[in-house]
PDB file of N, CA and C in Angstrom:
ATOM      1  N   MET A   1      24.889  13.017  -7.892  1.00  0.00           N
ATOM      2  CA  MET A   1      25.288  11.632  -7.676  1.00  0.00           C
ATOM      3  C   MET A   1      24.118  10.707  -8.024  1.00  0.00           C
ATOM      4  N   LYS A   2      24.434   9.582  -8.595  1.00  0.00           N
ATOM      5  CA  LYS A   2      23.409   8.633  -9.023  1.00  0.00           C
ATOM      6  C   LYS A   2      22.802   7.889  -7.833  1.00  0.00           C
ATOM      7  N   LYS A   3      21.506   7.727  -7.857  1.00  0.00           N
ATOM      8  CA  LYS A   3      20.789   7.001  -6.801  1.00  0.00           C
ATOM      9  C   LYS A   3      20.959   5.496  -6.986  1.00  0.00           C
ATOM     10  N   SER A   4      20.919   4.776  -5.876  1.00  0.00           N
ATOM     11  CA  SER A   4      20.970   3.317  -5.889  1.00  0.00           C
ATOM     12  C   SER A   4      19.802   2.788  -5.073  1.00  0.00           C
ATOM     13  N   HIS A   5      19.476   1.519  -5.298  1.00  0.00           N
ATOM     14  CA  HIS A   5      18.311   0.935  -4.633  1.00  0.00           C
ATOM     15  C   HIS A   5      18.596  -0.465  -4.099  1.00  0.00           C
ATOM     16  N   VAL A   6      17.980  -0.766  -2.967  1.00  0.00           N
ATOM     17  CA  VAL A   6      17.846  -2.133  -2.470  1.00  0.00           C
ATOM     18  C   VAL A   6      16.399  -2.486  -2.750  1.00  0.00           C
ATOM     19  N   TYR A   7      16.159  -3.686  -3.264  1.00  0.00           N
ATOM     20  CA  TYR A   7      14.790  -4.034  -3.659  1.00  0.00           C
ATOM     21  C   TYR A   7      14.459  -5.472  -3.315  1.00  0.00           C
ATOM     22  N   PHE A   8      13.160  -5.736  -3.148  1.00  0.00           N
ATOM     23  CA  PHE A   8      12.643  -7.076  -2.877  1.00  0.00           C
ATOM     24  C   PHE A   8      11.775  -7.489  -4.056  1.00  0.00           C
ATOM     25  N   MET A   9      11.988  -8.705  -4.525  1.00  0.00           N
ATOM     26  CA  MET A   9      11.150  -9.297  -5.569  1.00  0.00           C
ATOM     27  C   MET A   9      10.548 -10.574  -4.995  1.00  0.00           C
ATOM     28  N   THR A  10       9.373 -10.942  -5.500  1.00  0.00           N
ATOM     29  CA  THR A  10       8.745 -12.189  -5.083  1.00  0.00           C
ATOM     30  C   THR A  10       8.053 -12.829  -6.282  1.00  0.00           C
ATOM     31  N   ASN A  11       7.518 -14.025  -6.066  1.00  0.00           N
ATOM     32  CA  ASN A  11       6.777 -14.710  -7.130  1.00  0.00           C
ATOM     33  C   ASN A  11       5.284 -14.431  -6.974  1.00  0.00           C
ATOM     34  N   LYS A  12       4.473 -14.979  -7.862  1.00  0.00           N
ATOM     35  CA  LYS A  12       3.035 -14.665  -7.836  1.00  0.00           C
ATOM     36  C   LYS A  12       2.341 -15.164  -6.574  1.00  0.00           C
ATOM     37  N   ASN A  13       2.883 -16.203  -5.941  1.00  0.00           N
ATOM     38  CA  ASN A  13       2.288 -16.738  -4.714  1.00  0.00           C
ATOM     39  C   ASN A  13       2.887 -16.136  -3.441  1.00  0.00           C
ATOM     40  N   ASN A  14       3.832 -15.234  -3.610  1.00  0.00           N
ATOM     41  CA  ASN A  14       4.515 -14.589  -2.475  1.00  0.00           C
ATOM     42  C   ASN A  14       5.180 -15.602  -1.541  1.00  0.00           C
ATOM     43  N   THR A  15       5.751 -16.658  -2.098  1.00  0.00           N
ATOM     44  CA  THR A  15       6.383 -17.696  -1.282  1.00  0.00           C
ATOM     45  C   THR A  15       7.905 -17.597  -1.253  1.00  0.00           C
ATOM     46  N   VAL A  16       8.482 -16.760  -2.096  1.00  0.00           N
ATOM     47  CA  VAL A  16       9.931 -16.602  -2.180  1.00  0.00           C
ATOM     48  C   VAL A  16      10.242 -15.111  -2.187  1.00  0.00           C
ATOM     49  N   ILE A  17      11.273 -14.721  -1.452  1.00  0.00           N
ATOM     50  CA  ILE A  17      11.720 -13.325  -1.467  1.00  0.00           C
ATOM     51  C   ILE A  17      13.160 -13.287  -1.966  1.00  0.00           C
ATOM     52  N   TYR A  18      13.413 -12.377  -2.897  1.00  0.00           N
ATOM     53  CA  TYR A  18      14.768 -12.109  -3.378  1.00  0.00           C
ATOM     54  C   TYR A  18      15.110 -10.674  -3.009  1.00  0.00           C
ATOM     55  N   ILE A  19      16.285 -10.466  -2.435  1.00  0.00           N
ATOM     56  CA  ILE A  19      16.754  -9.125  -2.091  1.00  0.00           C
ATOM     57  C   ILE A  19      17.945  -8.813  -2.979  1.00  0.00           C
ATOM     58  N   GLY A  20      17.895  -7.667  -3.646  1.00  0.00           N
ATOM     59  CA  GLY A  20      18.977  -7.278  -4.535  1.00  0.00           C
ATOM     60  C   GLY A  20      19.326  -5.811  -4.392  1.00  0.00           C
ATOM     61  N   VAL A  21      20.382  -5.409  -5.078  1.00  0.00           N
ATOM     62  CA  VAL A  21      20.832  -4.020  -5.085  1.00  0.00           C
ATOM     63  C   VAL A  21      21.154  -3.634  -6.522  1.00  0.00           C
ATOM     64  N   THR A  22      20.870  -2.394  -6.889  1.00  0.00           N
ATOM     65  CA  THR A  22      21.104  -1.953  -8.255  1.00  0.00           C
ATOM     66  C   THR A  22      21.258  -0.440  -8.322  1.00  0.00           C
ATOM     67  N   ALA A  23      21.904   0.019  -9.380  1.00  0.00           N
ATOM     68  CA  ALA A  23      22.014   1.449  -9.650  1.00  0.00           C
ATOM     69  C   ALA A  23      20.932   1.897 -10.628  1.00  0.00           C
ATOM     70  N   ASN A  24      20.193   0.941 -11.194  1.00  0.00           N
ATOM     71  CA  ASN A  24      19.128   1.277 -12.147  1.00  0.00           C
ATOM     72  C   ASN A  24      17.938   0.350 -11.894  1.00  0.00           C
ATOM     73  N   LEU A  25      17.033   0.784 -11.051  1.00  0.00           N
ATOM     74  CA  LEU A  25      15.931  -0.074 -10.602  1.00  0.00           C
ATOM     75  C   LEU A  25      15.017  -0.500 -11.746  1.00  0.00           C
ATOM     76  N   LEU A  26      14.608   0.427 -12.590  1.00  0.00           N
ATOM     77  CA  LEU A  26      13.695   0.069 -13.685  1.00  0.00           C
ATOM     78  C   LEU A  26      14.301  -0.978 -14.612  1.00  0.00           C
ATOM     79  N   LYS A  27      15.562  -0.786 -14.973  1.00  0.00           N
ATOM     80  CA  LYS A  27      16.238  -1.745 -15.853  1.00  0.00           C
ATOM     81  C   LYS A  27      16.351  -3.113 -15.185  1.00  0.00           C
ATOM     82  N   ARG A  28      16.720  -3.115 -13.915  1.00  0.00           N
ATOM     83  CA  ARG A  28      16.924  -4.386 -13.209  1.00  0.00           C
ATOM     84  C   ARG A  28      15.618  -5.148 -13.047  1.00  0.00           C
ATOM     85  N   VAL A  29      14.532  -4.465 -12.711  1.00  0.00           N
ATOM     86  CA  VAL A  29      13.233  -5.136 -12.587  1.00  0.00           C
ATOM     87  C   VAL A  29      12.820  -5.709 -13.939  1.00  0.00           C
ATOM     88  N   TYR A  30      13.050  -4.966 -15.003  1.00  0.00           N
ATOM     89  CA  TYR A  30      12.743  -5.455 -16.355  1.00  0.00           C
ATOM     90  C   TYR A  30      13.545  -6.729 -16.652  1.00  0.00           C
ATOM     91  N   GLU A  31      14.818  -6.749 -16.278  1.00  0.00           N
ATOM     92  CA  GLU A  31      15.647  -7.939 -16.496  1.00  0.00           C
ATOM     93  C   GLU A  31      15.093  -9.144 -15.735  1.00  0.00           C
ATOM     94  N   HIS A  32      14.620  -8.930 -14.523  1.00  0.00           N
ATOM     95  CA  HIS A  32      14.010 -10.028 -13.756  1.00  0.00           C
ATOM     96  C   HIS A  32      12.728 -10.507 -14.436  1.00  0.00           C
ATOM     97  N   LYS A  33      11.879  -9.577 -14.833  1.00  0.00           N
ATOM     98  CA  LYS A  33      10.596  -9.935 -15.442  1.00  0.00           C
ATOM     99  C   LYS A  33      10.765 -10.689 -16.762  1.00  0.00           C
ATOM    100  N   THR A  34      11.788 -10.348 -17.529  1.00  0.00           N
ATOM    101  CA  THR A  34      12.021 -10.996 -18.827  1.00  0.00           C
ATOM    102  C   THR A  34      12.980 -12.178 -18.722  1.00  0.00           C
ATOM    103  N   LYS A  35      13.401 -12.493 -17.496  1.00  0.00           N
ATOM    104  CA  LYS A  35      14.318 -13.620 -17.245  1.00  0.00           C
ATOM    105  C   LYS A  35      15.572 -13.535 -18.115  1.00  0.00           C
ATOM    106  N   LYS A  36      16.186 -12.374 -18.103  1.00  0.00           N
ATOM    107  CA  LYS A  36      17.396 -12.140 -18.902  1.00  0.00           C
ATOM    108  C   LYS A  36      18.499 -13.143 -18.546  1.00  0.00           C
ATOM    109  N   TYR A  37      18.627 -13.450 -17.269  1.00  0.00           N
ATOM    110  CA  TYR A  37      19.645 -14.399 -16.817  1.00  0.00           C
ATOM    111  C   TYR A  37      18.941 -15.699 -16.439  1.00  0.00           C
ATOM    112  N   LYS A  38      18.926 -16.640 -17.338  1.00  0.00           N
ATOM    113  CA  LYS A  38      18.124 -17.869 -17.215  1.00  0.00           C
ATOM    114  C   LYS A  38      18.453 -18.710 -15.982  1.00  0.00           C
ATOM    115  N   SER A  39      19.717 -18.723 -15.567  1.00  0.00           N
ATOM    116  CA  SER A  39      20.094 -19.569 -14.430  1.00  0.00           C
ATOM    117  C   SER A  39      20.067 -18.811 -13.099  1.00  0.00           C
ATOM    118  N   ALA A  40      19.629 -17.575 -13.102  1.00  0.00           N
ATOM    119  CA  ALA A  40      19.591 -16.766 -11.882  1.00  0.00           C
ATOM    120  C   ALA A  40      18.490 -17.239 -10.929  1.00  0.00           C
ATOM    121  N   PHE A  41      18.660 -16.939  -9.659  1.00  0.00           N
ATOM    122  CA  PHE A  41      17.684 -17.301  -8.625  1.00  0.00           C
ATOM    123  C   PHE A  41      16.285 -16.826  -8.992  1.00  0.00           C
ATOM    124  N   THR A  42      16.172 -15.575  -9.428  1.00  0.00           N
ATOM    125  CA  THR A  42      14.850 -15.018  -9.730  1.00  0.00           C
ATOM    126  C   THR A  42      14.198 -15.694 -10.923  1.00  0.00           C
ATOM    127  N   SER A  43      14.987 -16.176 -11.848  1.00  0.00           N
ATOM    128  CA  SER A  43      14.421 -16.923 -12.982  1.00  0.00           C
ATOM    129  C   SER A  43      13.935 -18.292 -12.538  1.00  0.00           C
ATOM    130  N   LYS A  44      14.740 -18.974 -11.750  1.00  0.00           N
ATOM    131  CA  LYS A  44      14.383 -20.319 -11.273  1.00  0.00           C
ATOM    132  C   LYS A  44      13.110 -20.315 -10.438  1.00  0.00           C
ATOM    133  N   TYR A  45      12.942 -19.281  -9.618  1.00  0.00           N
ATOM    134  CA  TYR A  45      11.804 -19.227  -8.700  1.00  0.00           C
ATOM    135  C   TYR A  45      10.719 -18.246  -9.146  1.00  0.00           C
ATOM    136  N   ASN A  46      10.806 -17.797 -10.400  1.00  0.00           N
ATOM    137  CA  ASN A  46       9.795 -16.906 -10.999  1.00  0.00           C
ATOM    138  C   ASN A  46       9.521 -15.653 -10.173  1.00  0.00           C
ATOM    139  N   CYS A  47      10.567 -15.050  -9.652  1.00  0.00           N
ATOM    140  CA  CYS A  47      10.427 -13.800  -8.897  1.00  0.00           C
ATOM    141  C   CYS A  47      10.366 -12.644  -9.890  1.00  0.00           C
ATOM    142  N   ASP A  48       9.162 -12.213 -10.193  1.00  0.00           N
ATOM    143  CA  ASP A  48       9.001 -11.163 -11.199  1.00  0.00           C
ATOM    144  C   ASP A  48       8.139 -10.000 -10.719  1.00  0.00           C
ATOM    145  N   LYS A  49       7.889  -9.943  -9.410  1.00  0.00           N
ATOM    146  CA  LYS A  49       7.027  -8.903  -8.851  1.00  0.00           C
ATOM    147  C   LYS A  49       7.817  -8.075  -7.832  1.00  0.00           C
ATOM    148  N   LEU A  50       7.992  -6.795  -8.119  1.00  0.00           N
ATOM    149  CA  LEU A  50       8.655  -5.891  -7.183  1.00  0.00           C
ATOM    150  C   LEU A  50       7.685  -5.571  -6.051  1.00  0.00           C
ATOM    151  N   VAL A  51       8.101  -5.822  -4.809  1.00  0.00           N
ATOM    152  CA  VAL A  51       7.202  -5.586  -3.679  1.00  0.00           C
ATOM    153  C   VAL A  51       7.687  -4.491  -2.732  1.00  0.00           C
ATOM    154  N   TYR A  52       8.966  -4.126  -2.823  1.00  0.00           N
ATOM    155  CA  TYR A  52       9.492  -3.120  -1.904  1.00  0.00           C
ATOM    156  C   TYR A  52      10.830  -2.630  -2.422  1.00  0.00           C
ATOM    157  N   PHE A  53      11.133  -1.349  -2.182  1.00  0.00           N
ATOM    158  CA  PHE A  53      12.467  -0.841  -2.473  1.00  0.00           C
ATOM    159  C   PHE A  53      12.806   0.324  -1.560  1.00  0.00           C
ATOM    160  N   GLU A  54      14.106   0.535  -1.379  1.00  0.00           N
ATOM    161  CA  GLU A  54      14.628   1.669  -0.625  1.00  0.00           C
ATOM    162  C   GLU A  54      15.632   2.383  -1.516  1.00  0.00           C
ATOM    163  N   GLU A  55      15.680   3.710  -1.434  1.00  0.00           N
ATOM    164  CA  GLU A  55      16.587   4.500  -2.270  1.00  0.00           C
ATOM    165  C   GLU A  55      17.737   5.039  -1.424  1.00  0.00           C
ATOM    166  N   TYR A  56      18.946   5.013  -1.991  1.00  0.00           N
ATOM    167  CA  TYR A  56      20.145   5.503  -1.313  1.00  0.00           C
ATOM    168  C   TYR A  56      20.905   6.436  -2.233  1.00  0.00           C
ATOM    169  N   SER A  57      21.707   7.310  -1.630  1.00  0.00           N
ATOM    170  CA  SER A  57      22.438   8.296  -2.421  1.00  0.00           C
ATOM    171  C   SER A  57      23.667   7.718  -3.111  1.00  0.00           C
ATOM    172  N   ASP A  58      24.158   6.582  -2.632  1.00  0.00           N
ATOM    173  CA  ASP A  58      25.265   5.923  -3.341  1.00  0.00           C
ATOM    174  C   ASP A  58      25.194   4.406  -3.172  1.00  0.00           C
ATOM    175  N   ILE A  59      25.890   3.715  -4.044  1.00  0.00           N
ATOM    176  CA  ILE A  59      25.824   2.253  -4.113  1.00  0.00           C
ATOM    177  C   ILE A  59      26.391   1.605  -2.846  1.00  0.00           C
ATOM    178  N   THR A  60      27.380   2.236  -2.221  1.00  0.00           N
ATOM    179  CA  THR A  60      27.977   1.669  -1.010  1.00  0.00           C
ATOM    180  C   THR A  60      26.948   1.559   0.111  1.00  0.00           C
ATOM    181  N   GLN A  61      26.132   2.583   0.277  1.00  0.00           N
ATOM    182  CA  GLN A  61      25.070   2.543   1.288  1.00  0.00           C
ATOM    183  C   GLN A  61      24.063   1.442   0.968  1.00  0.00           C
ATOM    184  N   ALA A  62      23.722   1.315  -0.299  1.00  0.00           N
ATOM    185  CA  ALA A  62      22.752   0.296  -0.714  1.00  0.00           C
ATOM    186  C   ALA A  62      23.294  -1.112  -0.454  1.00  0.00           C
ATOM    187  N   ILE A  63      24.555  -1.328  -0.758  1.00  0.00           N
ATOM    188  CA  ILE A  63      25.171  -2.643  -0.542  1.00  0.00           C
ATOM    189  C   ILE A  63      25.214  -2.972   0.953  1.00  0.00           C
ATOM    190  N   THR A  64      25.545  -1.987   1.767  1.00  0.00           N
ATOM    191  CA  THR A  64      25.562  -2.188   3.220  1.00  0.00           C
ATOM    192  C   THR A  64      24.181  -2.598   3.719  1.00  0.00           C
ATOM    193  N   ARG A  65      23.151  -1.921   3.249  1.00  0.00           N
ATOM    194  CA  ARG A  65      21.776  -2.238   3.656  1.00  0.00           C
ATOM    195  C   ARG A  65      21.363  -3.627   3.179  1.00  0.00           C
ATOM    196  N   GLU A  66      21.734  -3.974   1.947  1.00  0.00           N
ATOM    197  CA  GLU A  66      21.419  -5.305   1.419  1.00  0.00           C
ATOM    198  C   GLU A  66      22.037  -6.383   2.309  1.00  0.00           C
ATOM    199  N   LYS A  67      23.274  -6.192   2.714  1.00  0.00           N
ATOM    200  CA  LYS A  67      23.951  -7.161   3.583  1.00  0.00           C
ATOM    201  C   LYS A  67      23.249  -7.277   4.933  1.00  0.00           C
ATOM    202  N   GLN A  68      22.793  -6.145   5.481  1.00  0.00           N
ATOM    203  CA  GLN A  68      22.053  -6.172   6.749  1.00  0.00           C
ATOM    204  C   GLN A  68      20.778  -6.989   6.608  1.00  0.00           C
ATOM    205  N   LEU A  69      20.045  -6.750   5.543  1.00  0.00           N
ATOM    206  CA  LEU A  69      18.782  -7.458   5.324  1.00  0.00           C
ATOM    207  C   LEU A  69      18.998  -8.955   5.130  1.00  0.00           C
ATOM    208  N   LYS A  70      20.003  -9.306   4.354  1.00  0.00           N
ATOM    209  CA  LYS A  70      20.269 -10.725   4.107  1.00  0.00           C
ATOM    210  C   LYS A  70      20.773 -11.423   5.361  1.00  0.00           C
ATOM    211  N   ALA A  71      21.573 -10.755   6.161  1.00  0.00           N
ATOM    212  CA  ALA A  71      22.062 -11.342   7.413  1.00  0.00           C
ATOM    213  C   ALA A  71      20.902 -11.581   8.364  1.00  0.00           C
ATOM    214  N   GLY A  72      19.965 -10.662   8.426  1.00  0.00           N
ATOM    215  CA  GLY A  72      18.791 -10.817   9.285  1.00  0.00           C
ATOM    216  C   GLY A  72      17.952 -12.005   8.875  1.00  0.00           C
ATOM    217  N   ASN A  73      17.807 -12.226   7.581  1.00  0.00           N
ATOM    218  CA  ASN A  73      17.028 -13.362   7.098  1.00  0.00           C
ATOM    219  C   ASN A  73      17.679 -14.678   7.486  1.00  0.00           C
ATOM    220  N   ARG A  74      18.987 -14.774   7.387  1.00  0.00           N
ATOM    221  CA  ARG A  74      19.682 -16.006   7.749  1.00  0.00           C
ATOM    222  C   ARG A  74      19.480 -16.329   9.222  1.00  0.00           C
ATOM    223  N   LYS A  75      19.542 -15.321  10.063  1.00  0.00           N
ATOM    224  CA  LYS A  75      19.365 -15.541  11.497  1.00  0.00           C
ATOM    225  C   LYS A  75      17.974 -16.086  11.786  1.00  0.00           C
ATOM    226  N   LYS A  76      16.968 -15.570  11.130  1.00  0.00           N
ATOM    227  CA  LYS A  76      15.599 -16.045  11.340  1.00  0.00           C
ATOM    228  C   LYS A  76      15.450 -17.504  10.933  1.00  0.00           C
ATOM    229  N   ARG A  77      16.095 -17.916   9.853  1.00  0.00           N
ATOM    230  CA  ARG A  77      15.977 -19.299   9.385  1.00  0.00           C
ATOM    231  C   ARG A  77      16.604 -20.274  10.372  1.00  0.00           C
ATOM    232  N   LYS A  78      17.643 -19.849  11.078  1.00  0.00           N
ATOM    233  CA  LYS A  78      18.338 -20.727  12.011  1.00  0.00           C
ATOM    234  C   LYS A  78      17.567 -20.914  13.311  1.00  0.00           C
ATOM    235  N   VAL A  79      16.697 -19.996  13.644  1.00  0.00           N
ATOM    236  CA  VAL A  79      15.966 -20.054  14.921  1.00  0.00           C
ATOM    237  C   VAL A  79      14.917 -21.127  14.897  1.00  0.00           C
TER     238      VAL A  79
END
């Protein structure tokens, strides 16, 4: 079974965090670094540095974890 990843990207000043999920981590990080999607969040905020990742045995687990991480961040911002 193909591995999937949840990953964190940031900018050079470490002021922005992006959390994403992918089935191909190397390809996805390359797409962020080369700004393949010009209007994407990571392009706008220059998030081109991989700072953390977790590996999962399937994409469903990775998506569940991504949702947990993003929900936790929203709660912190509201406090």
